[in-house]
Amino acid sequence: MKTKRFILSPHLCKNSRCKGPELLVKVSLGGVINRKCLKCGRMSTVNLADLPALECENDGTSLRAETQQRLYGNYEYKCEKCGKTWEVHKFLPLAEELD
């Protein structure tokens, strides 16, 4: 995954008056990612359950989302078939790019 991706969280905004869709965004160059509501702009922290199911671009296998222990809790997708991994923060847009 070399180009930036727009990835929606499987959850809606937690603001009870909004409930808009949330996009995964990078909030720092160090790899911290958040969810940003596309309707109200509210930012929320991300946990593993916020990462949607994706397919490997090499072989179509379902990717497994996991925490990267070596990178201080950042997230990655891993293909069990071909072994390729993608660090999530490397292909998300910066939050400020969406303002």
C-alpha atoms as a PDB file:
ATOM      1  CA  MET A   1       0.000   0.000   0.000  1.00  0.00           C
ATOM      2  CA  LYS A   2       2.053   2.894  -1.269  1.00  0.00           C
ATOM      3  CA  THR A   3      -0.600   5.542  -1.833  1.00  0.00           C
ATOM      4  CA  LYS A   4      -2.658   7.267   0.839  1.00  0.00           C
ATOM      5  CA  ARG A   5      -5.901   5.472   1.668  1.00  0.00           C
ATOM      6  CA  PHE A   6      -9.185   6.715   3.027  1.00  0.00           C
ATOM      7  CA  ILE A   7     -10.269   4.049   5.497  1.00  0.00           C
ATOM      8  CA  LEU A   8     -13.547   4.350   7.377  1.00  0.00           C
ATOM      9  CA  SER A   9     -13.792   3.068  10.916  1.00  0.00           C
ATOM     10  CA  PRO A  10     -16.519   0.433  11.311  1.00  0.00           C
ATOM     11  CA  HIS A  11     -17.943   2.623  14.116  1.00  0.00           C
ATOM     12  CA  LEU A  12     -19.879   5.896  14.014  1.00  0.00           C
ATOM     13  CA  CYS A  13     -19.036   9.100  15.889  1.00  0.00           C
ATOM     14  CA  LYS A  14     -19.677   8.805  19.626  1.00  0.00           C
ATOM     15  CA  ASN A  15     -21.262  12.267  19.763  1.00  0.00           C
ATOM     16  CA  SER A  16     -24.922  11.439  20.470  1.00  0.00           C
ATOM     17  CA  ARG A  17     -26.140  14.328  18.287  1.00  0.00           C
ATOM     18  CA  CYS A  18     -23.902  13.493  15.331  1.00  0.00           C
ATOM     19  CA  LYS A  19     -23.360   9.757  14.724  1.00  0.00           C
ATOM     20  CA  GLY A  20     -21.433  10.571  11.526  1.00  0.00           C
ATOM     21  CA  PRO A  21     -18.953   8.249   9.804  1.00  0.00           C
ATOM     22  CA  GLU A  22     -15.361   8.322  11.037  1.00  0.00           C
ATOM     23  CA  LEU A  23     -12.198   8.221   8.950  1.00  0.00           C
ATOM     24  CA  LEU A  24      -8.887   6.856  10.228  1.00  0.00           C
ATOM     25  CA  VAL A  25      -6.238   9.599  10.151  1.00  0.00           C
ATOM     26  CA  LYS A  26      -2.621  10.060  11.186  1.00  0.00           C
ATOM     27  CA  VAL A  27      -2.168  12.743  13.866  1.00  0.00           C
ATOM     28  CA  SER A  28       1.615  12.705  14.132  1.00  0.00           C
ATOM     29  CA  LEU A  29       4.568  11.779  11.980  1.00  0.00           C
ATOM     30  CA  GLY A  30       5.495   9.216  14.633  1.00  0.00           C
ATOM     31  CA  GLY A  31       2.555   7.062  13.636  1.00  0.00           C
ATOM     32  CA  VAL A  32      -0.204   7.910  16.106  1.00  0.00           C
ATOM     33  CA  ILE A  33      -3.608   7.441  14.480  1.00  0.00           C
ATOM     34  CA  ASN A  34      -7.082   8.621  15.474  1.00  0.00           C
ATOM     35  CA  ARG A  35     -10.624   8.516  14.150  1.00  0.00           C
ATOM     36  CA  LYS A  36     -11.982  11.800  12.767  1.00  0.00           C
ATOM     37  CA  CYS A  37     -15.702  12.320  12.274  1.00  0.00           C
ATOM     38  CA  LEU A  38     -16.456  13.484   8.752  1.00  0.00           C
ATOM     39  CA  LYS A  39     -19.588  15.289   9.945  1.00  0.00           C
ATOM     40  CA  CYS A  40     -18.597  17.168  13.139  1.00  0.00           C
ATOM     41  CA  GLY A  41     -14.778  16.871  13.063  1.00  0.00           C
ATOM     42  CA  ARG A  42     -14.534  15.237  16.514  1.00  0.00           C
ATOM     43  CA  MET A  43     -11.335  13.230  17.050  1.00  0.00           C
ATOM     44  CA  SER A  44     -11.278   9.947  18.983  1.00  0.00           C
ATOM     45  CA  THR A  45      -8.567   7.511  19.922  1.00  0.00           C
ATOM     46  CA  VAL A  46      -8.215   4.260  17.988  1.00  0.00           C
ATOM     47  CA  ASN A  47      -8.133   0.731  19.307  1.00  0.00           C
ATOM     48  CA  LEU A  48      -7.773  -2.541  17.434  1.00  0.00           C
ATOM     49  CA  ALA A  49     -11.562  -2.932  17.043  1.00  0.00           C
ATOM     50  CA  ASP A  50     -11.651   0.338  15.049  1.00  0.00           C
ATOM     51  CA  LEU A  51      -9.597  -1.143  12.212  1.00  0.00           C
ATOM     52  CA  PRO A  52     -11.863  -2.528   9.491  1.00  0.00           C
ATOM     53  CA  ALA A  53     -11.316  -5.788   7.632  1.00  0.00           C
ATOM     54  CA  LEU A  54      -9.153  -5.332   4.520  1.00  0.00           C
ATOM     55  CA  GLU A  55      -7.890  -7.654   1.807  1.00  0.00           C
ATOM     56  CA  CYS A  56      -4.282  -8.164   0.732  1.00  0.00           C
ATOM     57  CA  GLU A  57      -3.529  -6.325  -2.498  1.00  0.00           C
ATOM     58  CA  ASN A  58      -1.140  -9.131  -3.473  1.00  0.00           C
ATOM     59  CA  ASP A  59      -3.366 -12.198  -3.144  1.00  0.00           C
ATOM     60  CA  GLY A  60      -6.848 -11.124  -1.925  1.00  0.00           C
ATOM     61  CA  THR A  61      -6.505 -12.848   1.455  1.00  0.00           C
ATOM     62  CA  SER A  62      -8.192 -11.206   4.449  1.00  0.00           C
ATOM     63  CA  LEU A  63      -5.638  -9.200   6.406  1.00  0.00           C
ATOM     64  CA  ARG A  64      -5.258  -9.458  10.162  1.00  0.00           C
ATOM     65  CA  ALA A  65      -5.011  -6.181  12.079  1.00  0.00           C
ATOM     66  CA  GLU A  66      -2.615  -6.261  15.017  1.00  0.00           C
ATOM     67  CA  THR A  67      -0.643  -4.046  17.366  1.00  0.00           C
ATOM     68  CA  GLN A  68       3.006  -3.499  16.466  1.00  0.00           C
ATOM     69  CA  GLN A  69       4.932  -4.234  19.637  1.00  0.00           C
ATOM     70  CA  ARG A  70       8.187  -3.051  18.087  1.00  0.00           C
ATOM     71  CA  LEU A  71       6.716   0.351  17.214  1.00  0.00           C
ATOM     72  CA  TYR A  72       5.229   1.427  20.552  1.00  0.00           C
ATOM     73  CA  GLY A  73       1.681   0.213  20.028  1.00  0.00           C
ATOM     74  CA  ASN A  74       1.069   1.415  16.480  1.00  0.00           C
ATOM     75  CA  TYR A  75      -1.036  -0.817  14.257  1.00  0.00           C
ATOM     76  CA  GLU A  76      -0.350  -2.919  11.201  1.00  0.00           C
ATOM     77  CA  TYR A  77      -2.163  -5.266   8.862  1.00  0.00           C
ATOM     78  CA  LYS A  78      -0.564  -8.619   8.130  1.00  0.00           C
ATOM     79  CA  CYS A  79      -1.295 -11.146   5.407  1.00  0.00           C
ATOM     80  CA  GLU A  80      -1.029 -14.676   6.745  1.00  0.00           C
ATOM     81  CA  LYS A  81      -0.646 -16.112   3.232  1.00  0.00           C
ATOM     82  CA  CYS A  82       2.151 -14.007   1.701  1.00  0.00           C
ATOM     83  CA  GLY A  83       3.598 -12.609   4.966  1.00  0.00           C
ATOM     84  CA  LYS A  84       3.475  -8.956   3.849  1.00  0.00           C
ATOM     85  CA  THR A  85       2.753  -6.319   6.501  1.00  0.00           C
ATOM     86  CA  TRP A  86       1.491  -2.748   6.180  1.00  0.00           C
ATOM     87  CA  GLU A  87       2.006  -0.179   8.938  1.00  0.00           C
ATOM     88  CA  VAL A  88      -1.357   1.583   9.115  1.00  0.00           C
ATOM     89  CA  HIS A  89       0.004   5.090   9.771  1.00  0.00           C
ATOM     90  CA  LYS A  90       2.121   5.026   6.617  1.00  0.00           C
ATOM     91  CA  PHE A  91      -0.855   5.046   4.251  1.00  0.00           C
ATOM     92  CA  LEU A  92      -3.331   7.302   6.109  1.00  0.00           C
ATOM     93  CA  PRO A  93      -3.783  11.031   5.432  1.00  0.00           C
ATOM     94  CA  LEU A  94      -2.737  13.524   8.097  1.00  0.00           C
ATOM     95  CA  ALA A  95      -5.721  14.840  10.056  1.00  0.00           C
ATOM     96  CA  GLU A  96      -4.795  18.436   9.223  1.00  0.00           C
ATOM     97  CA  GLU A  97      -4.992  17.656   5.502  1.00  0.00           C
ATOM     98  CA  LEU A  98      -8.745  17.140   5.904  1.00  0.00           C
ATOM     99  CA  ASP A  99      -9.514  20.508   7.523  1.00  0.00           C
END
